[in-house]
Amino acid sequence: MPAIHFLVADSSPAIQTFLRQLLEGYGFEPSWIKTTSTPHAALELAAEHQPHLLLTDCYSKESVNGLALFQSLRMLNAQCQFALMSAHMSPTLEEQAQRAGALFHLAKPFAATDIKAAVAKALEQMAAVHPQVAHKLKPSSSRLTLPPLPKFKAGDAVLYQGRYETVKDVIFRQGELVVHLQGTPGMVPATKLTKL
């Protein structure tokens, strides 16, 4: 069965890792999934890799933004589809993404359940064109292995080192769930928190 290639372009290593693990959880080969931090590096990777699905940040401050990156990749592989993620998702950007044919567009920060659902829906749409995607979506005797859901979200009350704290941000960093607490500097591993 021919390979289906994925390219994750996002400045966050945590998002790159999470999306890689998510796609591998469906049974896609690790060699089919490439990740990068910049749109320029994505263009270089795409020349050889020719992705069928680009999962990209908007890169609003870069000379090549996420929409322009997708247009360039379409020249390399006419079957390439894309999805857009942005911390600055505006109605204008959503409209541009829709017009360009985005399978989904998500505002950052997003919950793990949101990105999982969006990727699942995108893969279902791709399955109509790519039999190798349809094959991965069929139920099998082995259960789908996905990264664990976060136990915390912004606003949750938690206990940390004997103090009551409030969760400000939840981040996947290098495959680990870490939490930024209001009034506490730095990031705290989620395993050190008790949800109240």
N, C-alpha and C. Protein backbone atom coordinates (compact mmCIF):
# COMPACT_ATOMS: atom_id res chain seq x y z
N MET A 1 0.85 -1.18 0.00
CA MET A 1 0.00 0.00 0.00
C MET A 1 0.89 1.25 0.00
N PRO A 2 0.64 2.21 -0.87
CA PRO A 2 1.51 3.39 -0.94
C PRO A 2 1.40 4.24 0.33
N ALA A 3 2.46 4.97 0.59
CA ALA A 3 2.54 5.80 1.79
C ALA A 3 1.63 7.01 1.66
N ILE A 4 1.09 7.43 2.78
CA ILE A 4 0.38 8.71 2.88
C ILE A 4 1.25 9.58 3.77
N HIS A 5 1.66 10.73 3.26
CA HIS A 5 2.62 11.57 3.97
C HIS A 5 1.94 12.72 4.72
N PHE A 6 2.45 12.98 5.91
CA PHE A 6 1.96 14.05 6.75
C PHE A 6 3.10 15.01 7.06
N LEU A 7 2.78 16.29 7.16
CA LEU A 7 3.76 17.30 7.55
C LEU A 7 3.12 18.18 8.62
N VAL A 8 3.75 18.22 9.79
CA VAL A 8 3.30 19.07 10.90
C VAL A 8 4.27 20.24 10.98
N ALA A 9 3.77 21.45 10.74
CA ALA A 9 4.60 22.65 10.80
C ALA A 9 4.06 23.53 11.92
N ASP A 10 4.78 23.55 13.02
CA ASP A 10 4.34 24.35 14.17
C ASP A 10 5.57 24.67 15.00
N SER A 11 5.62 25.90 15.52
CA SER A 11 6.78 26.32 16.31
C SER A 11 6.84 25.63 17.67
N SER A 12 5.75 25.02 18.11
CA SER A 12 5.71 24.34 19.40
C SER A 12 6.14 22.88 19.28
N PRO A 13 7.26 22.51 19.90
CA PRO A 13 7.66 21.09 19.89
C PRO A 13 6.60 20.20 20.53
N ALA A 14 5.87 20.73 21.50
CA ALA A 14 4.82 19.94 22.16
C ALA A 14 3.70 19.59 21.19
N ILE A 15 3.29 20.55 20.38
CA ILE A 15 2.24 20.28 19.39
C ILE A 15 2.75 19.32 18.33
N GLN A 16 4.00 19.50 17.90
CA GLN A 16 4.59 18.57 16.94
C GLN A 16 4.55 17.13 17.48
N THR A 17 5.00 16.98 18.73
CA THR A 17 5.05 15.64 19.34
C THR A 17 3.66 15.06 19.49
N PHE A 18 2.73 15.87 19.97
CA PHE A 18 1.37 15.39 20.18
C PHE A 18 0.74 14.92 18.87
N LEU A 19 0.87 15.73 17.80
CA LEU A 19 0.27 15.35 16.51
C LEU A 19 0.97 14.13 15.92
N ARG A 20 2.28 14.03 16.08
CA ARG A 20 3.00 12.83 15.62
C ARG A 20 2.44 11.60 16.33
N GLN A 21 2.33 11.67 17.66
CA GLN A 21 1.82 10.53 18.43
C GLN A 21 0.38 10.20 18.04
N LEU A 22 -0.41 11.23 17.81
CA LEU A 22 -1.80 11.02 17.42
C LEU A 22 -1.88 10.26 16.10
N LEU A 23 -1.11 10.69 15.10
CA LEU A 23 -1.12 10.03 13.79
C LEU A 23 -0.54 8.62 13.87
N GLU A 24 0.52 8.46 14.65
CA GLU A 24 1.08 7.12 14.83
C GLU A 24 0.08 6.21 15.53
N GLY A 25 -0.75 6.79 16.40
CA GLY A 25 -1.78 6.01 17.08
C GLY A 25 -2.80 5.39 16.14
N TYR A 26 -2.98 6.03 14.99
CA TYR A 26 -3.87 5.46 13.97
C TYR A 26 -3.18 4.33 13.20
N GLY A 27 -1.88 4.19 13.38
CA GLY A 27 -1.15 3.14 12.68
C GLY A 27 -0.36 3.64 11.48
N PHE A 28 -0.29 4.96 11.28
CA PHE A 28 0.54 5.48 10.20
C PHE A 28 2.01 5.32 10.58
N GLU A 29 2.81 4.95 9.59
CA GLU A 29 4.24 4.71 9.82
C GLU A 29 4.94 5.99 10.27
N PRO A 30 5.83 5.91 11.28
CA PRO A 30 6.56 7.10 11.72
C PRO A 30 7.31 7.80 10.58
N SER A 31 7.82 7.04 9.62
CA SER A 31 8.56 7.65 8.51
C SER A 31 7.65 8.45 7.58
N TRP A 32 6.34 8.28 7.68
CA TRP A 32 5.39 9.03 6.85
C TRP A 32 5.07 10.39 7.45
N ILE A 33 5.51 10.62 8.70
CA ILE A 33 5.15 11.84 9.44
C ILE A 33 6.39 12.68 9.68
N LYS A 34 6.43 13.86 9.13
CA LYS A 34 7.56 14.78 9.33
C LYS A 34 7.07 15.97 10.13
N THR A 35 7.96 16.52 10.96
CA THR A 35 7.63 17.70 11.75
C THR A 35 8.72 18.76 11.57
N THR A 36 8.31 20.01 11.70
CA THR A 36 9.24 21.12 11.59
C THR A 36 8.70 22.33 12.33
N SER A 37 9.60 23.27 12.64
CA SER A 37 9.22 24.44 13.43
C SER A 37 8.92 25.68 12.61
N THR A 38 9.42 25.75 11.37
CA THR A 38 9.26 26.98 10.57
C THR A 38 8.65 26.67 9.21
N PRO A 39 8.01 27.65 8.60
CA PRO A 39 7.46 27.42 7.26
C PRO A 39 8.55 27.20 6.22
N HIS A 40 9.71 27.84 6.40
CA HIS A 40 10.81 27.67 5.43
C HIS A 40 11.36 26.24 5.48
N ALA A 41 11.50 25.71 6.70
CA ALA A 41 11.94 24.32 6.84
C ALA A 41 10.88 23.37 6.28
N ALA A 42 9.61 23.74 6.45
CA ALA A 42 8.52 22.92 5.91
C ALA A 42 8.60 22.84 4.39
N LEU A 43 8.91 23.96 3.76
CA LEU A 43 9.06 23.97 2.30
C LEU A 43 10.19 23.05 1.86
N GLU A 44 11.29 23.06 2.59
CA GLU A 44 12.42 22.19 2.24
C GLU A 44 12.05 20.72 2.40
N LEU A 45 11.40 20.40 3.52
CA LEU A 45 10.97 19.01 3.76
C LEU A 45 9.97 18.56 2.70
N ALA A 46 9.06 19.45 2.36
CA ALA A 46 7.99 19.10 1.43
C ALA A 46 8.50 18.78 0.04
N ALA A 47 9.61 19.39 -0.35
CA ALA A 47 10.16 19.12 -1.69
C ALA A 47 10.47 17.64 -1.85
N GLU A 48 10.92 17.00 -0.78
CA GLU A 48 11.24 15.56 -0.85
C GLU A 48 10.06 14.71 -0.38
N HIS A 49 9.40 15.16 0.66
CA HIS A 49 8.36 14.36 1.33
C HIS A 49 7.00 14.42 0.63
N GLN A 50 6.68 15.53 -0.03
CA GLN A 50 5.42 15.75 -0.75
C GLN A 50 4.20 15.28 0.05
N PRO A 51 3.87 16.03 1.11
CA PRO A 51 2.80 15.60 2.01
C PRO A 51 1.41 15.61 1.37
N HIS A 52 0.57 14.71 1.86
CA HIS A 52 -0.83 14.67 1.49
C HIS A 52 -1.67 15.50 2.45
N LEU A 53 -1.14 15.68 3.70
CA LEU A 53 -1.83 16.50 4.69
C LEU A 53 -0.81 17.37 5.42
N LEU A 54 -1.06 18.66 5.39
CA LEU A 54 -0.26 19.65 6.11
C LEU A 54 -1.07 20.13 7.30
N LEU A 55 -0.53 19.94 8.49
CA LEU A 55 -1.12 20.48 9.72
C LEU A 55 -0.21 21.63 10.13
N THR A 56 -0.69 22.86 9.97
CA THR A 56 0.22 24.00 10.11
C THR A 56 -0.31 25.10 11.01
N ASP A 57 0.64 25.77 11.65
CA ASP A 57 0.35 27.00 12.36
C ASP A 57 0.10 28.08 11.31
N CYS A 58 -0.51 29.17 11.71
CA CYS A 58 -0.77 30.27 10.79
C CYS A 58 0.52 31.01 10.41
N TYR A 59 1.48 31.08 11.34
CA TYR A 59 2.74 31.82 11.13
C TYR A 59 2.47 33.24 10.67
N SER A 60 1.63 33.95 11.42
CA SER A 60 1.22 35.30 11.01
C SER A 60 2.36 36.30 10.97
N LYS A 61 3.46 36.05 11.69
CA LYS A 61 4.57 36.99 11.70
C LYS A 61 5.71 36.59 10.76
N GLU A 62 5.54 35.50 10.04
CA GLU A 62 6.57 35.02 9.11
C GLU A 62 6.31 35.55 7.71
N SER A 63 7.37 35.59 6.90
CA SER A 63 7.20 36.04 5.51
C SER A 63 6.38 35.04 4.71
N VAL A 64 6.43 33.75 5.08
CA VAL A 64 5.59 32.72 4.47
C VAL A 64 4.62 32.27 5.55
N ASN A 65 3.34 32.65 5.43
CA ASN A 65 2.38 32.23 6.45
C ASN A 65 1.83 30.85 6.11
N GLY A 66 0.97 30.33 6.98
CA GLY A 66 0.45 28.98 6.80
C GLY A 66 -0.34 28.79 5.51
N LEU A 67 -1.09 29.80 5.11
CA LEU A 67 -1.87 29.69 3.87
C LEU A 67 -0.95 29.67 2.65
N ALA A 68 0.09 30.53 2.65
CA ALA A 68 1.05 30.55 1.54
C ALA A 68 1.84 29.25 1.50
N LEU A 69 2.16 28.71 2.67
CA LEU A 69 2.86 27.42 2.74
C LEU A 69 2.01 26.34 2.06
N PHE A 70 0.74 26.30 2.37
CA PHE A 70 -0.15 25.32 1.76
C PHE A 70 -0.18 25.48 0.23
N GLN A 71 -0.31 26.72 -0.25
CA GLN A 71 -0.35 26.96 -1.70
C GLN A 71 0.93 26.45 -2.37
N SER A 72 2.07 26.64 -1.72
CA SER A 72 3.34 26.15 -2.27
C SER A 72 3.37 24.63 -2.29
N LEU A 73 2.84 24.00 -1.25
CA LEU A 73 2.84 22.54 -1.19
C LEU A 73 1.91 21.94 -2.23
N ARG A 74 0.83 22.65 -2.56
CA ARG A 74 -0.09 22.17 -3.60
C ARG A 74 0.60 22.08 -4.95
N MET A 75 1.61 22.93 -5.17
CA MET A 75 2.36 22.86 -6.43
C MET A 75 3.22 21.60 -6.48
N LEU A 76 3.63 21.10 -5.31
CA LEU A 76 4.44 19.88 -5.25
C LEU A 76 3.58 18.63 -5.29
N ASN A 77 2.39 18.72 -4.69
CA ASN A 77 1.48 17.58 -4.64
C ASN A 77 0.05 18.12 -4.72
N ALA A 78 -0.56 17.98 -5.86
CA ALA A 78 -1.90 18.53 -6.09
C ALA A 78 -2.94 17.93 -5.16
N GLN A 79 -2.65 16.77 -4.58
CA GLN A 79 -3.59 16.12 -3.66
C GLN A 79 -3.43 16.61 -2.21
N CYS A 80 -2.47 17.48 -1.98
CA CYS A 80 -2.22 17.97 -0.61
C CYS A 80 -3.44 18.71 -0.07
N GLN A 81 -3.79 18.38 1.17
CA GLN A 81 -4.84 19.08 1.90
C GLN A 81 -4.22 19.68 3.15
N PHE A 82 -4.96 20.58 3.82
CA PHE A 82 -4.34 21.19 4.99
C PHE A 82 -5.36 21.51 6.06
N ALA A 83 -4.80 21.77 7.26
CA ALA A 83 -5.57 22.24 8.40
C ALA A 83 -4.75 23.33 9.07
N LEU A 84 -5.43 24.31 9.62
CA LEU A 84 -4.77 25.50 10.16
C LEU A 84 -5.03 25.63 11.66
N MET A 85 -3.96 25.95 12.39
CA MET A 85 -4.06 26.20 13.83
C MET A 85 -3.43 27.57 14.09
N SER A 86 -4.06 28.39 14.93
CA SER A 86 -3.52 29.72 15.16
C SER A 86 -3.92 30.27 16.52
N ALA A 87 -2.98 30.95 17.15
CA ALA A 87 -3.28 31.66 18.39
C ALA A 87 -4.01 32.96 18.09
N HIS A 88 -4.03 33.36 16.83
CA HIS A 88 -4.66 34.61 16.41
C HIS A 88 -5.77 34.34 15.40
N MET A 89 -6.64 33.37 15.70
CA MET A 89 -7.70 33.00 14.77
C MET A 89 -8.77 34.08 14.78
N SER A 90 -8.87 34.78 13.68
CA SER A 90 -9.86 35.85 13.53
C SER A 90 -10.92 35.39 12.53
N PRO A 91 -12.05 36.08 12.48
CA PRO A 91 -13.05 35.73 11.47
C PRO A 91 -12.49 35.81 10.05
N THR A 92 -11.62 36.79 9.80
CA THR A 92 -11.01 36.92 8.47
C THR A 92 -10.14 35.71 8.16
N LEU A 93 -9.32 35.30 9.13
CA LEU A 93 -8.44 34.15 8.92
C LEU A 93 -9.27 32.88 8.75
N GLU A 94 -10.32 32.72 9.52
CA GLU A 94 -11.19 31.55 9.37
C GLU A 94 -11.80 31.51 7.97
N GLU A 95 -12.23 32.66 7.48
CA GLU A 95 -12.81 32.73 6.14
C GLU A 95 -11.77 32.38 5.07
N GLN A 96 -10.55 32.91 5.22
CA GLN A 96 -9.48 32.60 4.27
C GLN A 96 -9.16 31.10 4.28
N ALA A 97 -9.11 30.52 5.49
CA ALA A 97 -8.83 29.08 5.60
C ALA A 97 -9.92 28.26 4.94
N GLN A 98 -11.17 28.65 5.17
CA GLN A 98 -12.30 27.94 4.55
C GLN A 98 -12.23 28.03 3.03
N ARG A 99 -11.97 29.24 2.52
CA ARG A 99 -11.89 29.43 1.06
C ARG A 99 -10.75 28.61 0.46
N ALA A 100 -9.66 28.44 1.22
CA ALA A 100 -8.52 27.66 0.73
C ALA A 100 -8.76 26.16 0.85
N GLY A 101 -9.87 25.77 1.50
CA GLY A 101 -10.21 24.35 1.59
C GLY A 101 -9.69 23.65 2.83
N ALA A 102 -9.44 24.38 3.91
CA ALA A 102 -8.93 23.77 5.14
C ALA A 102 -9.89 22.70 5.65
N LEU A 103 -9.34 21.56 6.03
CA LEU A 103 -10.16 20.49 6.61
C LEU A 103 -10.66 20.89 7.99
N PHE A 104 -9.87 21.70 8.69
CA PHE A 104 -10.32 22.32 9.94
C PHE A 104 -9.43 23.51 10.23
N HIS A 105 -9.92 24.39 11.11
CA HIS A 105 -9.12 25.50 11.61
C HIS A 105 -9.44 25.65 13.09
N LEU A 106 -8.40 25.61 13.90
CA LEU A 106 -8.56 25.64 15.35
C LEU A 106 -7.83 26.83 15.95
N ALA A 107 -8.45 27.46 16.92
CA ALA A 107 -7.80 28.54 17.66
C ALA A 107 -6.99 27.93 18.79
N LYS A 108 -5.76 28.43 18.97
CA LYS A 108 -4.92 28.01 20.09
C LYS A 108 -5.18 28.94 21.27
N PRO A 109 -5.05 28.46 22.48
CA PRO A 109 -4.79 27.05 22.84
C PRO A 109 -6.06 26.23 22.67
N PHE A 110 -5.87 24.96 22.36
CA PHE A 110 -7.02 24.06 22.21
C PHE A 110 -6.81 22.86 23.13
N ALA A 111 -7.89 22.23 23.48
CA ALA A 111 -7.84 21.03 24.31
C ALA A 111 -7.46 19.83 23.45
N ALA A 112 -6.88 18.83 24.08
CA ALA A 112 -6.50 17.61 23.36
C ALA A 112 -7.71 16.98 22.69
N THR A 113 -8.87 17.03 23.35
CA THR A 113 -10.08 16.44 22.75
C THR A 113 -10.48 17.17 21.48
N ASP A 114 -10.26 18.49 21.44
CA ASP A 114 -10.60 19.28 20.24
C ASP A 114 -9.73 18.88 19.06
N ILE A 115 -8.43 18.77 19.27
CA ILE A 115 -7.53 18.44 18.15
C ILE A 115 -7.72 16.98 17.73
N LYS A 116 -7.98 16.10 18.68
CA LYS A 116 -8.24 14.70 18.33
C LYS A 116 -9.47 14.59 17.44
N ALA A 117 -10.54 15.27 17.83
CA ALA A 117 -11.78 15.24 17.05
C ALA A 117 -11.58 15.85 15.67
N ALA A 118 -10.84 16.95 15.60
CA ALA A 118 -10.59 17.62 14.32
C ALA A 118 -9.77 16.74 13.39
N VAL A 119 -8.72 16.11 13.92
CA VAL A 119 -7.89 15.22 13.09
C VAL A 119 -8.70 14.01 12.64
N ALA A 120 -9.51 13.45 13.52
CA ALA A 120 -10.35 12.30 13.14
C ALA A 120 -11.28 12.66 11.99
N LYS A 121 -11.89 13.82 12.09
CA LYS A 121 -12.80 14.27 11.01
C LYS A 121 -12.04 14.51 9.72
N ALA A 122 -10.84 15.11 9.82
CA ALA A 122 -10.02 15.36 8.63
C ALA A 122 -9.62 14.04 7.96
N LEU A 123 -9.25 13.05 8.76
CA LEU A 123 -8.87 11.75 8.20
C LEU A 123 -10.06 11.08 7.53
N GLU A 124 -11.24 11.23 8.11
CA GLU A 124 -12.45 10.67 7.49
C GLU A 124 -12.69 11.31 6.12
N GLN A 125 -12.48 12.63 6.03
CA GLN A 125 -12.64 13.31 4.74
C GLN A 125 -11.59 12.83 3.74
N MET A 126 -10.37 12.64 4.20
CA MET A 126 -9.30 12.18 3.31
C MET A 126 -9.52 10.74 2.85
N ALA A 127 -10.19 9.95 3.67
CA ALA A 127 -10.40 8.53 3.35
C ALA A 127 -11.16 8.33 2.05
N ALA A 128 -11.99 9.31 1.67
CA ALA A 128 -12.74 9.20 0.42
C ALA A 128 -11.82 9.21 -0.79
N VAL A 129 -10.64 9.81 -0.66
CA VAL A 129 -9.70 9.94 -1.78
C VAL A 129 -8.52 8.99 -1.64
N HIS A 130 -8.13 8.70 -0.40
CA HIS A 130 -6.92 7.90 -0.14
C HIS A 130 -7.29 6.58 0.54
N PRO A 131 -7.27 5.46 -0.19
CA PRO A 131 -7.63 4.17 0.41
C PRO A 131 -6.75 3.80 1.60
N GLN A 132 -5.48 4.24 1.59
CA GLN A 132 -4.60 3.90 2.70
C GLN A 132 -5.04 4.59 4.00
N VAL A 133 -5.73 5.72 3.90
CA VAL A 133 -6.28 6.38 5.09
C VAL A 133 -7.52 5.62 5.54
N ALA A 134 -8.37 5.25 4.59
CA ALA A 134 -9.59 4.49 4.91
C ALA A 134 -9.23 3.20 5.64
N HIS A 135 -8.16 2.56 5.18
CA HIS A 135 -7.72 1.30 5.80
C HIS A 135 -7.35 1.52 7.27
N LYS A 136 -6.72 2.64 7.58
CA LYS A 136 -6.30 2.93 8.97
C LYS A 136 -7.49 3.27 9.86
N LEU A 137 -8.58 3.72 9.27
CA LEU A 137 -9.75 4.10 10.06
C LEU A 137 -10.68 2.93 10.34
N LYS A 138 -10.48 1.81 9.64
CA LYS A 138 -11.33 0.64 9.87
C LYS A 138 -11.04 0.07 11.25
N PRO A 139 -12.10 -0.35 11.97
CA PRO A 139 -11.87 -0.98 13.28
C PRO A 139 -11.06 -2.26 13.09
N SER A 140 -10.17 -2.49 14.00
CA SER A 140 -9.37 -3.72 13.95
C SER A 140 -9.41 -4.38 15.31
N SER A 141 -8.81 -5.55 15.39
CA SER A 141 -8.80 -6.26 16.66
C SER A 141 -7.94 -5.54 17.69
N SER A 142 -6.94 -4.79 17.23
CA SER A 142 -6.12 -4.04 18.17
C SER A 142 -6.73 -2.66 18.38
N ARG A 143 -6.70 -2.19 19.61
CA ARG A 143 -7.30 -0.91 19.94
C ARG A 143 -6.39 0.22 19.48
N LEU A 144 -7.00 1.32 19.09
CA LEU A 144 -6.29 2.53 18.69
C LEU A 144 -5.56 3.09 19.90
N THR A 145 -4.26 3.38 19.75
CA THR A 145 -3.47 3.93 20.83
C THR A 145 -3.28 5.41 20.58
N LEU A 146 -3.83 6.24 21.47
CA LEU A 146 -3.72 7.69 21.33
C LEU A 146 -3.05 8.26 22.56
N PRO A 147 -2.45 9.44 22.44
CA PRO A 147 -1.87 10.07 23.62
C PRO A 147 -2.95 10.29 24.68
N PRO A 148 -2.56 10.26 25.96
CA PRO A 148 -3.57 10.42 27.01
C PRO A 148 -4.18 11.81 27.00
N LEU A 149 -5.44 11.88 27.40
CA LEU A 149 -6.11 13.17 27.51
C LEU A 149 -5.55 13.93 28.70
N PRO A 150 -5.49 15.25 28.61
CA PRO A 150 -5.04 16.01 29.77
C PRO A 150 -6.09 15.92 30.87
N LYS A 151 -5.62 15.91 32.10
CA LYS A 151 -6.52 15.83 33.24
C LYS A 151 -6.91 17.22 33.71
N PHE A 152 -6.27 18.24 33.19
CA PHE A 152 -6.48 19.59 33.67
C PHE A 152 -6.82 20.53 32.52
N LYS A 153 -7.53 21.60 32.86
CA LYS A 153 -7.80 22.65 31.89
C LYS A 153 -7.72 23.99 32.60
N ALA A 154 -7.60 25.07 31.84
CA ALA A 154 -7.51 26.40 32.42
C ALA A 154 -8.71 26.65 33.33
N GLY A 155 -8.43 27.21 34.52
CA GLY A 155 -9.48 27.52 35.47
C GLY A 155 -9.70 26.45 36.53
N ASP A 156 -9.13 25.24 36.33
CA ASP A 156 -9.30 24.17 37.31
C ASP A 156 -8.62 24.54 38.63
N ALA A 157 -9.25 24.18 39.73
CA ALA A 157 -8.64 24.32 41.05
C ALA A 157 -7.83 23.06 41.34
N VAL A 158 -6.59 23.25 41.81
CA VAL A 158 -5.70 22.12 42.08
C VAL A 158 -4.97 22.34 43.40
N LEU A 159 -4.40 21.25 43.89
CA LEU A 159 -3.56 21.31 45.08
C LEU A 159 -2.13 21.04 44.63
N TYR A 160 -1.22 21.96 44.98
CA TYR A 160 0.19 21.82 44.62
C TYR A 160 1.03 22.19 45.83
N GLN A 161 1.84 21.26 46.30
CA GLN A 161 2.72 21.46 47.46
C GLN A 161 1.95 22.02 48.65
N GLY A 162 0.77 21.48 48.90
CA GLY A 162 -0.03 21.87 50.04
C GLY A 162 -0.79 23.18 49.88
N ARG A 163 -0.69 23.82 48.68
CA ARG A 163 -1.38 25.10 48.43
C ARG A 163 -2.47 24.89 47.40
N TYR A 164 -3.55 25.67 47.56
CA TYR A 164 -4.61 25.68 46.57
C TYR A 164 -4.20 26.65 45.46
N GLU A 165 -4.23 26.18 44.22
CA GLU A 165 -3.81 26.98 43.07
C GLU A 165 -4.88 26.88 41.98
N THR A 166 -4.75 27.77 40.99
CA THR A 166 -5.64 27.74 39.83
C THR A 166 -4.80 27.55 38.57
N VAL A 167 -5.26 26.64 37.70
CA VAL A 167 -4.55 26.37 36.44
C VAL A 167 -4.73 27.55 35.50
N LYS A 168 -3.61 28.05 34.97
CA LYS A 168 -3.66 29.14 33.99
C LYS A 168 -3.58 28.58 32.57
N ASP A 169 -2.59 27.72 32.31
CA ASP A 169 -2.39 27.12 30.98
C ASP A 169 -2.01 25.66 31.14
N VAL A 170 -2.38 24.86 30.14
CA VAL A 170 -2.00 23.45 30.08
C VAL A 170 -1.27 23.25 28.75
N ILE A 171 -0.08 22.66 28.81
CA ILE A 171 0.77 22.56 27.62
C ILE A 171 1.33 21.15 27.52
N PHE A 172 1.39 20.61 26.30
CA PHE A 172 2.13 19.39 26.04
C PHE A 172 3.53 19.82 25.65
N ARG A 173 4.53 19.37 26.41
CA ARG A 173 5.91 19.75 26.12
C ARG A 173 6.74 18.49 26.06
N GLN A 174 7.28 18.20 24.89
CA GLN A 174 8.12 17.03 24.67
C GLN A 174 7.45 15.76 25.18
N GLY A 175 6.16 15.64 24.86
CA GLY A 175 5.42 14.44 25.22
C GLY A 175 4.93 14.41 26.66
N GLU A 176 5.16 15.48 27.43
CA GLU A 176 4.75 15.53 28.83
C GLU A 176 3.73 16.65 29.02
N LEU A 177 2.73 16.39 29.85
CA LEU A 177 1.74 17.41 30.17
C LEU A 177 2.28 18.26 31.31
N VAL A 178 2.41 19.57 31.07
CA VAL A 178 2.86 20.50 32.10
C VAL A 178 1.82 21.60 32.25
N VAL A 179 1.80 22.22 33.44
CA VAL A 179 0.77 23.18 33.78
C VAL A 179 1.42 24.45 34.31
N HIS A 180 0.89 25.60 33.86
CA HIS A 180 1.29 26.89 34.40
C HIS A 180 0.21 27.31 35.38
N LEU A 181 0.62 27.54 36.63
CA LEU A 181 -0.33 27.92 37.67
C LEU A 181 -0.31 29.42 37.88
N GLN A 182 -1.46 30.00 38.18
CA GLN A 182 -1.50 31.44 38.47
C GLN A 182 -0.72 31.69 39.75
N GLY A 183 0.19 32.65 39.69
CA GLY A 183 0.96 33.01 40.87
C GLY A 183 2.16 32.11 41.14
N THR A 184 2.41 31.11 40.30
CA THR A 184 3.57 30.24 40.47
C THR A 184 4.42 30.33 39.22
N PRO A 185 5.69 30.73 39.36
CA PRO A 185 6.54 30.85 38.17
C PRO A 185 6.89 29.48 37.59
N GLY A 186 7.12 29.45 36.29
CA GLY A 186 7.54 28.23 35.62
C GLY A 186 6.40 27.26 35.38
N MET A 187 6.77 26.10 34.87
CA MET A 187 5.81 25.06 34.54
C MET A 187 5.93 23.93 35.54
N VAL A 188 4.81 23.30 35.85
CA VAL A 188 4.75 22.23 36.83
C VAL A 188 4.27 20.96 36.12
N PRO A 189 4.98 19.83 36.27
CA PRO A 189 4.48 18.58 35.69
C PRO A 189 3.10 18.26 36.26
N ALA A 190 2.19 17.86 35.39
CA ALA A 190 0.81 17.58 35.81
C ALA A 190 0.75 16.47 36.85
N THR A 191 1.75 15.60 36.84
CA THR A 191 1.76 14.49 37.79
C THR A 191 1.93 14.97 39.23
N LYS A 192 2.36 16.21 39.44
CA LYS A 192 2.57 16.75 40.79
C LYS A 192 1.36 17.51 41.31
N LEU A 193 0.25 17.47 40.56
CA LEU A 193 -0.95 18.21 40.94
C LEU A 193 -2.08 17.26 41.30
N THR A 194 -2.93 17.70 42.20
CA THR A 194 -4.14 16.98 42.54
C THR A 194 -5.33 17.86 42.17
N LYS A 195 -6.19 17.35 41.33
CA LYS A 195 -7.37 18.12 40.92
C LYS A 195 -8.39 18.12 42.05
N LEU A 196 -8.95 19.31 42.31
CA LEU A 196 -9.94 19.44 43.39
C LEU A 196 -11.36 19.36 42.84
